[in-house]
């Protein structure tokens, strides 16, 4: 008899059904797993054997063969432990075969028969729901799986509890959906803590309102990193659909440690020593990178010119398409990567270009060489580029009233984003998935970015003098549209264009 258990394998955010086939036959005692298993799957037999032994169940002294079909798909991860164990128990007539066929199973086994959490439970639960199956997953992942909708979920803490439930001697309750805070959600500083920097705060609000990429340029200690870290506090919360998208990616990456749905926007800030696979995605098992983990949130790159040139250039395509495509010899995987890029940098290597008291003897050449580490095509994709001046000690020491709080700014940002969402929703299928001005296509922009002849002439003349590319021209128009939305206008005026122009140019002082 061949026992069959349903499980899954991952190809990016896509889920593929895997049929775990277990056969017990006569012959010399052996335990073999076939079907292109990786090292973690090949080691499953030892964990399964030990877990069954902990329950007092001995494997028969026969030939045990486990086939993971389809056999030409690479099987990766420790979540195959539990389906292999259940397949053996079914082949040994300990569990009913008909009952087990309705479940999609995943979970890692401990040597004491406990069931440990695994990555990818949320996509697996959605896959089970779509195929009218039930789901068996670890107890710690139950709150995550419950968001999949109307699907029966068994979330046992150990193998004995699961066996007793299936045999009817113990009943487990359906897990309830659970929410968790996003990364660093409890440690977001308030904008009121930033002294001075009113122009930079304004640029940050424009960036948040329209979803625009932002580059902060200034000397050390000017508050660039603090301004960037304030951004999550003024962004609107994730919608239900966005929360599901973000949680699926974090589930695949194994970062949903509390086993629930993420409710706050991601804020990822990798160190400048990060490798290209770490940032874009890849590695042996083609894991999502930082840009995918920042999906629907913020990717903050501090000390931007210190990142490897090739790593930064790899961001160009995801910034345009909203996807990270990882092509390898053994895999071709696409992860969502619709993120807002916030970057910070010094004006030169020493950091004090333009300061007569501290400027080095190589100025302005040192500034030009340092800023030239950033390519033109990459800067083209950064909508807002702001100079952040140094804050004087006297300003810091004054016991002045704190500035505007993040909560007040967040209310304005939320209102502007709601206006944009309603605008693009009215276009129907042609604007599907577009939520902010930064995501608008050129065709949509021509329909919604209205301006009078005087303003249009000013805009075109300025763009020609600045020698902007077509991409930069349209991105500048998107920023002007956002500024117009923030002012509650239905038409772009010269004031909006002038402010957008002041944000555009990377200047060497």
Protein backbone atom coordinates (compact mmCIF):
# COMPACT_ATOMS: atom_id res chain seq x y z
CA UNK A 1 0.00 0.00 0.00
CA UNK A 2 1.16 3.54 -0.80
CA UNK A 3 0.10 6.24 1.63
CA UNK A 4 -0.23 9.80 0.33
CA UNK A 5 0.03 13.12 2.18
CA UNK A 6 -0.36 16.56 0.59
CA UNK A 7 2.22 19.25 1.23
CA UNK A 8 3.72 22.17 -0.69
CA UNK A 9 6.93 23.63 -2.10
CA UNK A 10 7.64 27.31 -2.70
CA UNK A 11 8.74 29.07 -5.87
CA UNK A 12 8.92 32.70 -4.82
CA UNK A 13 5.47 33.63 -3.51
CA UNK A 14 3.91 30.89 -5.64
CA UNK A 15 2.96 27.58 -4.03
CA UNK A 16 3.26 24.21 -5.75
CA UNK A 17 1.50 21.06 -4.58
CA UNK A 18 3.74 18.20 -3.54
CA UNK A 19 2.55 14.62 -3.14
CA UNK A 20 4.38 12.78 -0.35
CA UNK A 21 4.17 9.06 -1.22
CA UNK A 22 5.21 6.50 1.40
CA UNK A 23 5.64 2.81 0.74
CA UNK A 24 6.58 0.03 3.17
CA UNK A 25 7.83 -3.05 1.35
CA UNK A 26 9.74 -6.23 2.08
CA UNK A 27 13.51 -6.16 1.82
CA UNK A 28 16.55 -5.14 3.79
CA UNK A 29 15.74 -2.45 6.41
CA UNK A 30 16.28 1.00 4.85
CA UNK A 31 14.76 4.47 5.00
CA UNK A 32 15.13 6.32 1.70
CA UNK A 33 13.82 9.74 0.60
CA UNK A 34 13.80 10.43 -3.14
CA UNK A 35 12.48 13.26 -5.31
CA UNK A 36 15.31 15.84 -5.32
CA UNK A 37 15.42 16.54 -1.57
CA UNK A 38 17.91 19.11 -0.28
CA UNK A 39 20.05 18.50 2.81
CA UNK A 40 17.33 19.59 5.26
CA UNK A 41 14.79 17.22 3.67
CA UNK A 42 17.26 14.33 3.49
CA UNK A 43 17.87 14.71 7.22
CA UNK A 44 14.12 14.46 7.90
CA UNK A 45 14.34 10.70 8.28
CA UNK A 46 16.44 11.04 11.43
CA UNK A 47 14.10 13.60 13.00
CA UNK A 48 11.05 11.53 12.04
CA UNK A 49 12.56 8.32 13.43
CA UNK A 50 13.44 10.03 16.73
CA UNK A 51 10.03 11.72 17.04
CA UNK A 52 8.16 8.44 16.51
CA UNK A 53 10.48 6.71 18.97
CA UNK A 54 9.58 9.40 21.56
CA UNK A 55 5.94 8.30 21.19
CA UNK A 56 6.86 4.66 21.60
CA UNK A 57 6.35 3.88 17.90
CA UNK A 58 9.08 1.83 16.20
CA UNK A 59 9.50 1.84 12.46
CA UNK A 60 9.10 -1.63 10.92
CA UNK A 61 12.27 -3.50 9.96
CA UNK A 62 11.40 -3.21 6.26
CA UNK A 63 12.25 -1.04 3.29
CA UNK A 64 10.72 2.43 3.73
CA UNK A 65 10.61 4.58 0.60
CA UNK A 66 9.41 8.18 0.58
CA UNK A 67 8.90 9.81 -2.83
CA UNK A 68 8.31 13.56 -3.13
CA UNK A 69 6.41 14.08 -6.38
CA UNK A 70 6.83 15.65 -8.85
CA UNK A 71 10.35 14.29 -8.72
CA UNK A 72 11.94 17.00 -10.93
CA UNK A 73 11.16 19.87 -8.50
CA UNK A 74 13.80 20.64 -5.87
CA UNK A 75 12.39 20.17 -2.36
CA UNK A 76 13.81 22.60 0.21
CA UNK A 77 13.10 23.22 3.89
CA UNK A 78 12.33 21.40 7.09
CA UNK A 79 8.53 21.60 6.68
CA UNK A 80 8.54 18.15 5.03
CA UNK A 81 9.15 16.47 8.41
CA UNK A 82 5.52 16.35 9.50
CA UNK A 83 4.03 15.13 6.18
CA UNK A 84 6.65 12.35 6.01
CA UNK A 85 5.85 11.29 9.59
CA UNK A 86 2.11 11.29 8.91
CA UNK A 87 2.69 9.35 5.71
CA UNK A 88 4.57 6.67 7.65
CA UNK A 89 1.85 6.52 10.31
CA UNK A 90 -0.77 6.15 7.58
CA UNK A 91 1.23 3.40 5.82
CA UNK A 92 1.51 1.62 9.19
CA UNK A 93 -2.34 1.79 9.56
CA UNK A 94 -2.07 3.94 12.69
CA UNK A 95 -3.91 6.81 10.97
CA UNK A 96 -6.87 6.44 8.55
CA UNK A 97 -5.88 6.91 4.92
CA UNK A 98 -9.13 8.55 3.77
CA UNK A 99 -9.02 11.11 6.58
CA UNK A 100 -5.46 12.23 5.79
CA UNK A 101 -6.06 12.91 2.10
CA UNK A 102 -7.98 16.13 2.81
CA UNK A 103 -5.10 17.89 4.61
CA UNK A 104 -2.21 20.02 3.40
CA UNK A 105 0.53 19.40 5.96
CA UNK A 106 3.71 21.25 6.91
CA UNK A 107 5.79 21.39 10.07
CA UNK A 108 9.23 20.60 11.48
CA UNK A 109 9.62 17.85 14.09
CA UNK A 110 11.71 17.98 17.23
CA UNK A 111 13.35 14.84 18.56
CA UNK A 112 10.77 14.78 21.40
CA UNK A 113 7.87 14.82 18.89
CA UNK A 114 7.20 18.53 19.28
CA UNK A 115 6.17 20.47 16.16
CA UNK A 116 8.26 23.56 15.48
CA UNK A 117 7.30 26.62 13.42
CA UNK A 118 8.24 26.80 9.74
CA UNK A 119 8.26 29.49 7.07
CA UNK A 120 5.47 29.92 4.53
CA UNK A 121 2.41 28.87 6.55
CA UNK A 122 0.24 31.78 5.33
CA UNK A 123 0.74 31.07 1.59
CA UNK A 124 0.21 27.37 2.34
CA UNK A 125 -3.08 28.14 4.12
CA UNK A 126 -4.28 30.29 1.21
CA UNK A 127 -3.32 27.47 -1.17
CA UNK A 128 -5.25 24.94 0.96
CA UNK A 129 -8.31 27.18 1.03
CA UNK A 130 -8.23 27.66 -2.75
CA UNK A 131 -8.13 23.88 -3.28
CA UNK A 132 -10.83 23.05 -0.69
CA UNK A 133 -8.33 21.34 1.60
CA UNK A 134 -7.78 21.59 5.33
CA UNK A 135 -4.43 22.52 6.86
CA UNK A 136 -2.16 21.03 9.52
CA UNK A 137 0.54 23.40 10.77
CA UNK A 138 2.54 24.06 13.96
CA UNK A 139 0.70 25.61 16.91
CA UNK A 140 2.89 28.72 16.82
CA UNK A 141 1.79 29.38 13.21
CA UNK A 142 -1.94 28.90 13.77
CA UNK A 143 -2.70 32.60 14.20
CA UNK A 144 -0.97 33.29 10.89
CA UNK A 145 -2.81 30.54 9.00
CA UNK A 146 -6.22 31.61 10.33
CA UNK A 147 -6.14 34.70 8.07
CA UNK A 148 -6.52 32.47 5.00
CA UNK A 149 -10.30 32.50 5.40
CA UNK A 150 -12.81 29.67 5.62
CA UNK A 151 -10.44 26.73 6.01
CA UNK A 152 -10.24 24.06 8.72
CA UNK A 153 -6.91 24.36 10.55
CA UNK A 154 -5.29 21.96 12.97
CA UNK A 155 -2.42 23.57 14.85
CA UNK A 156 -1.02 20.95 17.27
CA UNK A 157 1.86 21.58 19.64
CA UNK A 158 3.19 18.03 19.21
CA UNK A 159 2.68 14.87 17.19
CA UNK A 160 0.81 13.03 19.97
CA UNK A 161 -1.82 15.76 20.17
CA UNK A 162 -2.36 15.55 16.41
CA UNK A 163 -2.66 11.75 16.42
CA UNK A 164 -5.19 11.85 19.26
CA UNK A 165 -7.29 14.44 17.44
CA UNK A 166 -7.38 12.47 14.19
CA UNK A 167 -8.28 9.27 16.08
CA UNK A 168 -11.03 11.12 17.96
CA UNK A 169 -9.68 10.85 21.52
CA UNK A 170 -8.86 14.56 21.81
CA UNK A 171 -10.31 17.69 20.20
CA UNK A 172 -8.36 20.76 19.10
CA UNK A 173 -10.01 24.13 18.60
CA UNK A 174 -9.65 26.27 15.49
CA UNK A 175 -6.86 28.87 15.96
CA UNK A 176 -7.89 32.52 15.85
CA UNK A 177 -6.37 35.19 13.58
CA UNK A 178 -3.55 37.13 15.21
CA UNK A 179 -1.96 40.49 14.50
CA UNK A 180 1.65 41.37 15.24
CA UNK A 181 3.60 44.60 15.18
CA UNK A 182 5.93 45.18 12.27
CA UNK A 183 9.68 45.54 12.62
CA UNK A 184 10.62 48.30 15.10
CA UNK A 185 6.99 49.45 15.27
CA UNK A 186 7.30 50.35 18.94
CA UNK A 187 10.50 52.38 18.49
CA UNK A 188 9.52 54.93 15.83
CA UNK A 189 10.68 58.42 16.93
CA UNK A 190 8.29 61.36 16.75
CA UNK A 191 8.87 64.24 14.33
CA UNK A 192 8.50 66.68 17.22
CA UNK A 193 11.84 65.41 18.52
CA UNK A 194 13.67 66.73 15.43
CA UNK A 195 15.02 70.22 16.12
CA UNK A 196 14.79 72.65 13.20
CA UNK A 197 15.02 71.16 9.68
CA UNK A 198 11.61 72.52 8.66
CA UNK A 199 12.34 72.24 4.92
CA UNK A 200 13.46 68.61 5.34
CA UNK A 201 10.32 67.85 7.37
CA UNK A 202 8.22 69.33 4.59
CA UNK A 203 10.02 67.17 2.02
CA UNK A 204 9.45 64.13 4.21
CA UNK A 205 5.72 64.86 4.34
CA UNK A 206 5.55 65.28 0.55
CA UNK A 207 7.44 62.01 0.16
CA UNK A 208 5.04 60.20 2.48
CA UNK A 209 1.92 61.69 0.89
CA UNK A 210 2.83 60.65 -2.66
CA UNK A 211 4.99 57.60 -2.01
CA UNK A 212 8.01 59.34 -3.57
CA UNK A 213 11.62 58.22 -3.20
CA UNK A 214 13.71 60.63 -1.11
CA UNK A 215 17.42 61.41 -0.77
CA UNK A 216 18.66 63.44 2.23
CA UNK A 217 22.08 65.09 1.77
CA UNK A 218 23.85 66.76 4.64
CA UNK A 219 26.81 66.78 7.06
CA UNK A 220 27.20 64.26 9.91
CA UNK A 221 24.82 64.86 12.82
CA UNK A 222 22.33 66.94 10.82
CA UNK A 223 19.50 64.52 11.63
CA UNK A 224 19.17 62.65 8.33
CA UNK A 225 18.84 59.18 9.89
CA UNK A 226 16.41 60.44 12.52
CA UNK A 227 14.22 62.09 9.89
CA UNK A 228 14.13 58.86 7.89
CA UNK A 229 13.27 56.80 10.98
CA UNK A 230 10.31 59.14 11.63
CA UNK A 231 8.74 58.24 8.27
CA UNK A 232 6.89 55.06 9.43
CA UNK A 233 5.15 57.20 12.05
CA UNK A 234 3.47 59.40 9.43
CA UNK A 235 2.59 56.72 6.86
CA UNK A 236 -0.98 55.38 6.83
CA UNK A 237 -1.52 51.84 8.18
CA UNK A 238 -1.61 48.88 5.84
CA UNK A 239 -4.94 48.03 4.27
CA UNK A 240 -6.22 44.47 4.70
CA UNK A 241 -5.02 43.53 1.21
CA UNK A 242 -1.61 45.11 1.73
CA UNK A 243 -1.22 43.43 5.13
CA UNK A 244 -1.86 40.06 3.49
CA UNK A 245 0.72 40.75 0.75
CA UNK A 246 3.37 41.86 3.24
CA UNK A 247 2.67 38.99 5.61
CA UNK A 248 3.00 36.40 2.83
CA UNK A 249 6.49 37.63 1.99
CA UNK A 250 7.55 37.76 5.64
CA UNK A 251 6.06 34.31 6.16
CA UNK A 252 8.21 32.92 3.33
CA UNK A 253 11.24 34.65 4.82
CA UNK A 254 10.50 33.18 8.25
CA UNK A 255 10.35 36.59 9.96
CA UNK A 256 6.81 36.26 11.37
CA UNK A 257 8.17 35.08 14.71
CA UNK A 258 4.92 35.72 16.57
CA UNK A 259 2.82 33.84 14.03
CA UNK A 260 0.40 36.57 12.97
CA UNK A 261 -0.43 39.12 10.31
CA UNK A 262 1.75 42.25 10.09
CA UNK A 263 -0.28 45.42 10.68
CA UNK A 264 2.35 48.17 10.35
CA UNK A 265 4.38 49.11 7.29
CA UNK A 266 7.83 47.47 7.09
CA UNK A 267 10.90 49.63 7.67
CA UNK A 268 14.09 47.92 6.53
CA UNK A 269 17.49 49.54 7.05
CA UNK A 270 20.28 47.20 5.86
CA UNK A 271 23.92 48.09 6.55
CA UNK A 272 25.93 49.43 3.63
CA UNK A 273 28.00 46.23 3.63
CA UNK A 274 24.92 44.25 2.50
CA UNK A 275 25.55 42.01 -0.50
CA UNK A 276 23.52 42.06 -3.70
CA UNK A 277 21.60 38.81 -2.87
CA UNK A 278 20.86 40.16 0.62
CA UNK A 279 19.37 43.34 -0.83
CA UNK A 280 17.62 42.06 -3.96
CA UNK A 281 17.10 38.40 -3.05
CA UNK A 282 18.77 35.15 -3.92
CA UNK A 283 21.13 32.76 -2.23
CA UNK A 284 21.05 28.99 -2.35
CA UNK A 285 17.31 28.82 -1.60
CA UNK A 286 16.42 32.09 -3.39
CA UNK A 287 15.07 33.90 -0.36
CA UNK A 288 13.39 37.34 -0.58
CA UNK A 289 15.83 40.22 -0.12
CA UNK A 290 15.52 43.47 1.80
CA UNK A 291 13.64 45.19 -1.03
CA UNK A 292 10.93 42.51 -0.93
CA UNK A 293 10.80 42.55 2.87
CA UNK A 294 10.20 46.31 2.49
CA UNK A 295 7.22 45.71 0.14
CA UNK A 296 4.46 48.30 0.81
CA UNK A 297 6.85 49.96 3.27
CA UNK A 298 10.17 51.77 3.45
CA UNK A 299 13.70 50.76 2.48
CA UNK A 300 16.20 53.08 4.19
CA UNK A 301 19.75 53.10 2.83
CA UNK A 302 22.02 55.14 5.08
CA UNK A 303 25.45 56.21 3.75
CA UNK A 304 24.19 55.56 0.20
CA UNK A 305 27.53 55.99 -1.67
CA UNK A 306 29.17 53.43 0.64
CA UNK A 307 27.05 50.61 -0.83
CA UNK A 308 28.71 48.59 -3.56
CA UNK A 309 28.09 50.12 -6.99
CA UNK A 310 26.67 46.89 -8.42
CA UNK A 311 24.31 46.49 -5.46
CA UNK A 312 22.86 49.97 -5.96
CA UNK A 313 22.50 49.52 -9.70
CA UNK A 314 20.47 46.35 -9.07
CA UNK A 315 17.79 48.57 -7.50
CA UNK A 316 17.03 50.32 -10.77
CA UNK A 317 14.72 47.67 -12.22
CA UNK A 318 12.72 46.99 -9.00
CA UNK A 319 12.21 50.76 -8.53
CA UNK A 320 10.56 50.85 -11.95
CA UNK A 321 8.62 47.58 -12.00
CA UNK A 322 7.83 46.93 -8.33
CA UNK A 323 9.17 43.38 -8.64
CA UNK A 324 12.45 41.64 -7.84
CA UNK A 325 13.24 38.98 -10.44
CA UNK A 326 15.94 36.56 -9.29
CA UNK A 327 17.28 34.37 -12.09
CA UNK A 328 19.56 31.48 -11.20
CA UNK A 329 20.62 28.32 -12.99
CA UNK A 330 18.25 26.26 -10.83
CA UNK A 331 15.51 28.81 -10.20
CA UNK A 332 13.70 31.78 -11.69
CA UNK A 333 11.74 33.51 -8.95
CA UNK A 334 9.79 36.76 -8.76
CA UNK A 335 9.09 38.52 -5.46
CA UNK A 336 6.95 41.66 -5.04
CA UNK A 337 9.11 44.71 -4.25
CA UNK A 338 6.95 47.84 -4.34
CA UNK A 339 8.84 49.88 -1.77
CA UNK A 340 9.57 53.53 -1.00
CA UNK A 341 13.29 54.27 -1.10
CA UNK A 342 14.64 56.70 1.49
CA UNK A 343 18.39 57.31 1.35
CA UNK A 344 20.86 59.48 3.23
CA UNK A 345 24.39 60.55 2.42
CA UNK A 346 27.09 63.04 3.32
CA UNK A 347 27.99 65.66 0.66
CA UNK A 348 31.54 64.29 0.52
CA UNK A 349 33.69 61.61 2.14
CA UNK A 350 34.76 63.81 5.05
CA UNK A 351 31.19 65.08 5.36
CA UNK A 352 31.75 68.82 5.61
CA UNK A 353 31.68 70.08 2.03
CA UNK A 354 30.53 73.70 2.05
CA UNK A 355 31.48 74.34 5.70
CA UNK A 356 34.28 76.98 5.67
CA UNK A 357 35.42 76.04 9.18
CA UNK A 358 35.76 72.28 8.60
CA UNK A 359 36.00 71.80 4.84
CA UNK A 360 38.95 69.71 3.64
CA UNK A 361 41.64 70.95 1.25
CA UNK A 362 40.36 68.73 -1.57
CA UNK A 363 37.05 70.56 -1.90
CA UNK A 364 35.11 70.70 -4.15
CA UNK A 365 36.77 67.79 -5.96
CA UNK A 366 36.20 65.43 -3.02
CA UNK A 367 32.47 66.15 -3.15
CA UNK A 368 32.29 65.53 -6.87
CA UNK A 369 34.14 62.23 -6.64
CA UNK A 370 32.03 61.06 -3.71
CA UNK A 371 28.68 61.99 -5.26
CA UNK A 372 29.72 60.51 -8.60
CA UNK A 373 29.58 57.08 -6.95
CA UNK A 374 25.84 57.39 -7.59
CA UNK A 375 24.94 56.85 -11.24
CA UNK A 376 22.65 59.17 -13.17
CA UNK A 377 20.06 56.44 -13.86
CA UNK A 378 19.77 55.73 -10.13
CA UNK A 379 19.41 59.42 -9.23
CA UNK A 380 16.80 59.73 -11.97
CA UNK A 381 14.62 57.37 -9.95
CA UNK A 382 14.87 59.41 -6.73
CA UNK A 383 12.09 61.99 -6.98
CA UNK A 384 13.07 64.28 -4.09
CA UNK A 385 16.66 65.29 -3.26
CA UNK A 386 16.99 67.59 -0.24
CA UNK A 387 19.92 69.38 1.38
CA UNK A 388 19.80 68.96 5.17
CA UNK A 389 21.89 71.65 6.83
CA UNK A 390 23.71 71.34 10.12
CA UNK A 391 21.81 72.30 13.28
CA UNK A 392 23.59 74.83 15.49
CA UNK A 393 24.35 74.04 19.11
CA UNK A 394 22.35 77.10 20.19
CA UNK A 395 19.26 75.69 18.43
CA UNK A 396 19.73 72.36 20.17
CA UNK A 397 20.21 73.92 23.59
CA UNK A 398 17.18 76.19 23.41
CA UNK A 399 14.22 74.99 25.45
CA UNK A 400 11.86 75.80 22.62
CA UNK A 401 8.42 74.31 22.18
CA UNK A 402 8.55 70.98 20.40
CA UNK A 403 7.62 70.94 16.73
CA UNK A 404 4.56 69.37 15.14
CA UNK A 405 3.88 65.81 16.24
CA UNK A 406 3.90 62.85 13.86
CA UNK A 407 0.24 62.13 14.61
CA UNK A 408 -0.83 65.49 13.15
CA UNK A 409 1.29 65.02 10.03
CA UNK A 410 0.02 61.44 9.66
CA UNK A 411 -3.59 62.68 9.52
CA UNK A 412 -2.77 64.98 6.61
CA UNK A 413 -0.81 62.26 4.82
CA UNK A 414 -3.70 59.81 5.24
CA UNK A 415 -6.18 62.30 3.77
CA UNK A 416 -3.98 62.95 0.72
CA UNK A 417 -3.43 59.22 0.13
CA UNK A 418 -7.17 58.57 0.35
CA UNK A 419 -7.71 61.26 -2.30
CA UNK A 420 -5.16 59.60 -4.58
CA UNK A 421 -6.61 56.14 -4.04
CA UNK A 422 -10.11 57.35 -4.96
CA UNK A 423 -8.72 59.14 -8.02
CA UNK A 424 -7.01 56.05 -9.42
CA UNK A 425 -9.88 53.77 -8.49
CA UNK A 426 -12.12 55.82 -10.82
CA UNK A 427 -9.96 54.75 -13.79
CA UNK A 428 -10.88 51.10 -13.25
CA UNK A 429 -8.72 48.34 -14.73
CA UNK A 430 -6.26 50.76 -16.37
CA UNK A 431 -5.11 51.92 -12.91
CA UNK A 432 -5.34 48.59 -11.09
CA UNK A 433 -2.86 48.35 -8.23
CA UNK A 434 -1.99 52.07 -8.35
CA UNK A 435 -2.49 53.74 -4.97
CA UNK A 436 -0.17 56.77 -5.00
CA UNK A 437 1.04 59.42 -7.44
CA UNK A 438 4.50 57.87 -7.48
CA UNK A 439 3.02 54.69 -9.01
CA UNK A 440 1.05 56.47 -11.75
CA UNK A 441 1.88 55.57 -15.35
CA UNK A 442 2.76 58.20 -17.94
CA UNK A 443 -0.62 57.75 -19.64
CA UNK A 444 -2.51 58.35 -16.40
CA UNK A 445 -0.29 61.29 -15.51
CA UNK A 446 -1.19 63.08 -18.76
CA UNK A 447 -4.88 62.74 -17.87
CA UNK A 448 -4.73 63.91 -14.26
CA UNK A 449 -1.82 66.40 -14.05
CA UNK A 450 -3.64 69.52 -15.21
CA UNK A 451 -1.90 72.91 -15.31
CA UNK A 452 -2.50 76.25 -17.06
CA UNK A 453 -0.37 77.44 -19.97
CA UNK A 454 1.76 79.78 -17.84
CA UNK A 455 2.61 77.02 -15.36
CA UNK A 456 3.24 74.50 -18.13
CA UNK A 457 5.63 76.89 -19.90
CA UNK A 458 7.50 77.49 -16.64
CA UNK A 459 7.70 73.74 -16.05
CA UNK A 460 9.01 72.93 -19.54
CA UNK A 461 11.57 75.74 -19.54
CA UNK A 462 12.92 74.70 -16.13
CA UNK A 463 13.15 71.06 -17.19
CA UNK A 464 15.09 72.05 -20.32
CA UNK A 465 17.53 74.22 -18.35
CA UNK A 466 18.10 71.42 -15.84
CA UNK A 467 18.52 68.94 -18.75
CA UNK A 468 16.15 66.45 -17.15
CA UNK A 469 15.58 63.05 -18.74
CA UNK A 470 12.09 61.94 -19.73
CA UNK A 471 11.91 59.84 -16.57
CA UNK A 472 13.00 62.72 -14.34
CA UNK A 473 10.52 65.03 -16.11
CA UNK A 474 7.57 62.77 -15.33
CA UNK A 475 8.74 62.10 -11.78
CA UNK A 476 8.99 65.84 -11.21
CA UNK A 477 5.42 66.18 -12.47
CA UNK A 478 4.29 63.52 -9.99
CA UNK A 479 5.88 65.45 -7.11
CA UNK A 480 4.15 68.65 -8.24
CA UNK A 481 0.85 66.75 -8.40
CA UNK A 482 1.33 65.53 -4.83
CA UNK A 483 2.07 69.06 -3.60
CA UNK A 484 -1.11 70.21 -5.36
CA UNK A 485 -3.08 67.42 -3.67
CA UNK A 486 -1.70 68.44 -0.28
CA UNK A 487 -2.95 71.99 -0.88
CA UNK A 488 -6.39 70.69 -1.86
CA UNK A 489 -6.18 71.95 -5.43
CA UNK A 490 -7.48 70.23 -8.57
CA UNK A 491 -4.89 71.90 -10.81
CA UNK A 492 -1.12 72.24 -10.56
CA UNK A 493 -0.05 75.89 -10.11
CA UNK A 494 3.35 77.54 -10.50
CA UNK A 495 3.90 77.39 -6.72
CA UNK A 496 3.64 73.58 -6.83
CA UNK A 497 6.08 73.34 -9.73
CA UNK A 498 8.55 75.70 -8.03
CA UNK A 499 8.56 73.61 -4.86
CA UNK A 500 8.96 70.38 -6.86
CA UNK A 501 11.88 71.91 -8.77
CA UNK A 502 13.60 72.85 -5.52
CA UNK A 503 13.57 69.16 -4.52
CA UNK A 504 14.98 67.79 -7.75
CA UNK A 505 18.66 68.57 -8.22
CA UNK A 506 21.63 66.90 -6.54
CA UNK A 507 23.98 69.83 -6.03
CA UNK A 508 27.74 69.86 -5.37
CA UNK A 509 28.39 72.89 -3.17
